[in-house]
């Protein structure tokens, strides 16, 4: 999906950063659009994203998520965010902003429902028009990919900020269906 975005435009750069950062952080759409420049610290290892409030943190205690450098520039959350902010000239306020119909970036925060629209548009362009694809697909996609890569559930939970293993497991899509498969083990 990221490869189909036109990154010669500000909207393409914004959408790439939106999708990559959203996936890498397993962010809910409300968390993603609530991010301000001041909520992110640069380190030698990558970005530390401070979430001020979320669905499961109504008291506003906050949480921090580490986003490491990626192996590829177009899917690296650090580099895609940096490219977006530099091109748009953003140095304070909301990270993800609305655009006019002519592609001019405004000072207004991107509404959370726009994340779904941008994700679905990128999916259609990539030939992935799937009616089940939604903003939570970014979150579920990272969680599923981490499980497939053998990341321990406790480490996935720390990154995704889940408080329940049962809820986390609901996000993991069809991982391991053929690992230690009972039907395969009986010698059919």
Protein backbone atom coordinates (compact mmCIF):
# COMPACT_ATOMS: atom_id res chain seq x y z
CA UNK A 1 0.00 0.00 0.00
CA UNK A 2 2.80 2.41 0.86
CA UNK A 3 4.46 1.81 -2.51
CA UNK A 4 1.34 3.06 -4.34
CA UNK A 5 1.28 6.46 -2.62
CA UNK A 6 2.45 9.46 -4.63
CA UNK A 7 5.20 10.76 -2.35
CA UNK A 8 5.94 13.65 -4.70
CA UNK A 9 2.93 15.34 -3.04
CA UNK A 10 2.44 16.48 0.54
CA UNK A 11 -0.68 14.36 0.86
CA UNK A 12 1.25 11.28 -0.31
CA UNK A 13 4.04 11.97 2.19
CA UNK A 14 1.51 12.52 4.97
CA UNK A 15 -0.39 9.35 4.15
CA UNK A 16 2.81 7.29 4.01
CA UNK A 17 3.87 8.59 7.44
CA UNK A 18 0.34 8.07 8.77
CA UNK A 19 0.21 4.42 7.66
CA UNK A 20 3.79 3.54 8.60
CA UNK A 21 3.73 5.23 12.01
CA UNK A 22 0.23 3.88 12.69
CA UNK A 23 1.33 0.33 11.87
CA UNK A 24 4.70 0.50 13.63
CA UNK A 25 3.16 1.88 16.80
CA UNK A 26 0.04 -0.33 16.75
CA UNK A 27 -1.79 2.94 17.36
CA UNK A 28 -5.51 3.41 17.56
CA UNK A 29 -6.67 6.09 15.11
CA UNK A 30 -7.53 8.47 17.97
CA UNK A 31 -4.00 8.10 19.38
CA UNK A 32 -2.45 8.67 15.96
CA UNK A 33 -4.28 11.89 15.12
CA UNK A 34 -3.83 13.23 18.67
CA UNK A 35 -0.03 13.24 18.30
CA UNK A 36 1.72 16.59 18.39
CA UNK A 37 5.33 17.28 17.45
CA UNK A 38 6.08 17.75 21.17
CA UNK A 39 4.86 14.19 21.87
CA UNK A 40 7.78 12.62 19.99
CA UNK A 41 11.41 12.50 21.07
CA UNK A 42 14.24 11.60 18.69
CA UNK A 43 16.87 9.16 19.99
CA UNK A 44 19.78 7.29 18.42
CA UNK A 45 17.56 4.18 18.35
CA UNK A 46 14.51 5.81 16.80
CA UNK A 47 11.45 7.67 18.07
CA UNK A 48 9.90 7.64 21.52
CA UNK A 49 6.22 8.47 21.09
CA UNK A 50 4.38 9.68 24.19
CA UNK A 51 0.67 8.94 24.13
CA UNK A 52 -1.09 11.39 26.44
CA UNK A 53 -4.43 9.57 26.63
CA UNK A 54 -6.01 6.52 25.04
CA UNK A 55 -9.09 4.35 25.11
CA UNK A 56 -7.70 2.19 27.92
CA UNK A 57 -6.10 5.12 29.79
CA UNK A 58 -8.98 7.42 30.63
CA UNK A 59 -7.09 8.88 33.62
CA UNK A 60 -4.45 10.23 31.23
CA UNK A 61 -1.44 8.53 32.82
CA UNK A 62 0.04 8.20 29.36
CA UNK A 63 2.32 5.64 27.77
CA UNK A 64 5.48 5.65 25.68
CA UNK A 65 6.11 3.56 22.58
CA UNK A 66 9.49 3.06 20.93
CA UNK A 67 9.57 3.11 17.13
CA UNK A 68 12.94 1.89 15.87
CA UNK A 69 14.53 2.72 12.54
CA UNK A 70 13.26 0.41 9.80
CA UNK A 71 15.35 -1.47 7.27
CA UNK A 72 13.75 0.27 4.28
CA UNK A 73 13.32 4.05 3.87
CA UNK A 74 9.70 3.84 2.62
CA UNK A 75 8.58 1.72 5.58
CA UNK A 76 10.76 3.25 8.30
CA UNK A 77 8.61 5.14 10.82
CA UNK A 78 11.50 7.45 11.72
CA UNK A 79 12.37 8.44 8.16
CA UNK A 80 8.79 8.68 6.85
CA UNK A 81 7.81 10.93 9.77
CA UNK A 82 10.91 13.09 9.29
CA UNK A 83 10.27 13.42 5.52
CA UNK A 84 6.64 14.40 6.12
CA UNK A 85 7.41 17.04 8.75
CA UNK A 86 10.28 18.54 6.71
CA UNK A 87 8.28 18.73 3.47
CA UNK A 88 5.24 20.24 5.21
CA UNK A 89 7.34 22.64 7.29
CA UNK A 90 5.78 21.40 10.52
CA UNK A 91 7.78 22.07 13.67
CA UNK A 92 5.03 22.31 16.29
CA UNK A 93 1.38 21.44 16.80
CA UNK A 94 -0.41 18.47 15.26
CA UNK A 95 1.73 16.01 13.29
CA UNK A 96 -1.03 14.74 11.03
CA UNK A 97 -3.00 17.59 9.48
CA UNK A 98 -5.86 18.07 7.07
CA UNK A 99 -5.35 19.28 3.53
CA UNK A 100 -7.41 21.52 1.26
CA UNK A 101 -8.87 20.06 -1.94
CA UNK A 102 -5.89 21.62 -3.74
CA UNK A 103 -3.37 19.78 -1.55
CA UNK A 104 -2.37 22.64 0.75
CA UNK A 105 -1.72 21.43 4.30
CA UNK A 106 -3.68 23.29 6.97
CA UNK A 107 -2.98 23.85 10.66
CA UNK A 108 -6.02 21.71 11.57
CA UNK A 109 -5.56 18.25 13.07
CA UNK A 110 -6.59 15.39 10.78
CA UNK A 111 -9.94 14.04 12.06
CA UNK A 112 -9.76 10.44 13.25
CA UNK A 113 -12.29 9.20 10.68
CA UNK A 114 -9.94 10.47 7.94
CA UNK A 115 -7.43 7.78 8.96
CA UNK A 116 -9.92 5.11 7.82
CA UNK A 117 -10.53 6.92 4.54
CA UNK A 118 -6.80 7.27 3.83
CA UNK A 119 -6.17 3.60 4.68
CA UNK A 120 -9.03 2.38 2.50
CA UNK A 121 -7.99 4.62 -0.37
CA UNK A 122 -4.40 3.30 -0.24
CA UNK A 123 -5.72 -0.26 -0.07
CA UNK A 124 -7.95 0.24 -3.13
CA UNK A 125 -5.06 1.79 -5.08
CA UNK A 126 -2.92 -1.23 -4.16
CA UNK A 127 -5.67 -3.58 -5.35
CA UNK A 128 -6.54 -4.66 -1.82
CA UNK A 129 -10.16 -3.53 -1.76
CA UNK A 130 -11.29 -5.56 1.24
CA UNK A 131 -14.43 -4.52 3.06
CA UNK A 132 -12.95 -5.80 6.36
CA UNK A 133 -10.03 -3.38 6.14
CA UNK A 134 -10.36 -0.64 8.75
CA UNK A 135 -8.13 1.56 10.85
CA UNK A 136 -7.79 -1.20 13.42
CA UNK A 137 -6.14 -3.19 10.61
CA UNK A 138 -2.96 -1.16 11.21
CA UNK A 139 -3.00 -2.22 14.87
CA UNK A 140 -3.99 -5.82 14.15
CA UNK A 141 -1.45 -6.00 11.31
CA UNK A 142 1.48 -5.10 13.54
CA UNK A 143 0.30 -7.45 16.28
CA UNK A 144 -0.18 -10.31 13.82
CA UNK A 145 3.14 -9.67 12.10
CA UNK A 146 4.93 -9.59 15.45
CA UNK A 147 3.31 -12.89 16.47
CA UNK A 148 4.32 -14.46 13.14
CA UNK A 149 7.89 -13.26 13.75
CA UNK A 150 7.91 -15.07 17.09
CA UNK A 151 7.72 -12.01 19.36
CA UNK A 152 6.56 -13.05 22.84
CA UNK A 153 3.01 -12.04 23.76
CA UNK A 154 4.23 -10.01 26.78
CA UNK A 155 6.47 -7.96 24.45
CA UNK A 156 3.66 -7.42 21.96
CA UNK A 157 1.38 -6.36 24.83
CA UNK A 158 3.94 -3.85 26.09
CA UNK A 159 4.19 -2.31 22.61
CA UNK A 160 0.46 -2.35 21.86
CA UNK A 161 -0.48 -1.35 25.40
CA UNK A 162 -2.94 -4.23 25.82
CA UNK A 163 -3.80 -5.10 29.40
CA UNK A 164 -5.35 -8.51 28.63
CA UNK A 165 -3.80 -11.50 26.84
CA UNK A 166 -7.28 -12.58 25.73
CA UNK A 167 -7.94 -9.25 24.03
CA UNK A 168 -4.48 -9.30 22.43
CA UNK A 169 -5.09 -12.80 21.03
CA UNK A 170 -8.25 -11.50 19.34
CA UNK A 171 -6.00 -9.26 17.23
CA UNK A 172 -3.74 -12.08 16.03
CA UNK A 173 -5.14 -13.24 12.71
CA UNK A 174 -4.70 -16.92 11.76
CA UNK A 175 -1.12 -17.22 12.99
CA UNK A 176 0.19 -20.73 13.44
CA UNK A 177 -2.74 -22.61 11.94
CA UNK A 178 -0.34 -25.21 10.59
CA UNK A 179 2.21 -25.19 13.42
CA UNK A 180 1.87 -28.33 15.54
CA UNK A 181 -1.35 -29.02 13.60
CA UNK A 182 -3.37 -31.92 15.02
CA UNK A 183 -4.55 -33.14 11.59
CA UNK A 184 -1.00 -33.09 10.23
CA UNK A 185 0.30 -34.98 13.28
CA UNK A 186 -2.03 -37.95 12.85
CA UNK A 187 -0.54 -38.87 9.48
CA UNK A 188 -3.45 -38.29 7.10
